[in-house]
Amino acid sequence: MKTADITLVFQGQFKPYVTRDHEDFARNLKLTRKVLPGAPIILSTWEGADVPPGLAVDAVVESADPGGLAPLKLDDLKANNINRQLVSTQAGLAAVATPYAVKMRTDCFLEHAGFIDYALEQRKLDQGRERLLACSFFTLDPTLFERLPYHLSDWFHFGPTALLREYWSTAPMSNKDARQYETQAHASSSSLFERKFRARYAVEQHVCMQFARSHGYACPRFLNDVSEDVLTAYRRFLAQEVMLLDPWQIGLRFEKYGWVAGSPFQRLNNLMHLDWLAIADPHLAGRTDAPQLRSLIRQRQHQKALARRAFRYSRALHTLLFDPNRPRHPVRRLAARFARRLARS
């Protein structure tokens, strides 16, 4: 695979200057182009965007802004930008002329292109079959804290251009779906985190489920539907259609969310590469490092089993445990100590 066969689509809003949060789109472009020399770069943004002269892109695609929806969660103030994301991603991918594409956000960059090596190795194991490569953060584990099947991260996608176009061909989210839980009660078994949702489905679910359903996979009937048929189908979807890599394996740097890698909670909350391997290739056939991987997977599964039990039996304390306004409460500090110890076990 040549780098000239891969087009990078940077999608979303950006500012032409270095922001107070030190976001620097020009730097992101420069660093990413360095690790993928010869790869065309497309910026897909909004009509009227301030695109400075000399910006290191090969094409700029501008779309009409469809506007935002009501905030995704009941305790949030930020607009739900799913339809903006869909419009700019679809327009950017439509402009790709190469056989492969990367979809990433304007506030990210690549520090290396390890995702190519992983994708080629997996393609060989799959005897030439192609997959959608995605990031482990935030691909949620539907058996832990936020039980949202098909919540596949949208930070970074790589694969055949036709596959990315199909995945992102989702219809817009309706205003009705965006406000589902304003008037409808959440399932009685919902966790503290699941009860925060205003929208019928998370953004990532809305996008992923359209693709999965079109390929015959059973999808959730409501936000946190973790019935056995849905979980079985989702595991099969991950095993057959997707490859999950951790950001450092991809080469992805997302400084805005740099804290995620250091959070024991999020390390458990997401499906990491090891979790995906256990689902997609439980026998680790053809892998030279299989013994080491088996040991790491066993350790990971033990950690998650303990976390599930701890979360289940501490339900009466969840309001206190996850209250960001009480970080120094003794119970919270004890829980944080347990999470750190669990992450090291």
Foldseek 3Di string as FASTA:
>chain_A
DALLLEEEEAFEADACDQDPVRQHLLVQVVQQCVQRPNHAYEYQYAPPHDDDPPRPHPYYHHDHQPDFAQDFFQPDHDTHRLVSRLVRQLRRLVPDDHFKYKYAHSRKHFNHALVVVVQVVVCVVVVNDWAKEAEQVPAFDLLAQFNFFQLTDPHMIITTSVVSNLLSVADDDDNCQSQVCVPDADPPPHAPVNRGGRGFEPSSNSSRVVSLVVVPQDDDPTGRPPPPSNVVSSLVCLQPHYQYAHCVSRRMDNPVVPCLVVQLVNVLGTCHNLNSCCSNPVPCPPDPCVVVSVVVSVLSVVLNVVNSVVCVVCRVCVCVLPDPVCCPDPVVVVVRVVSVVSSVD
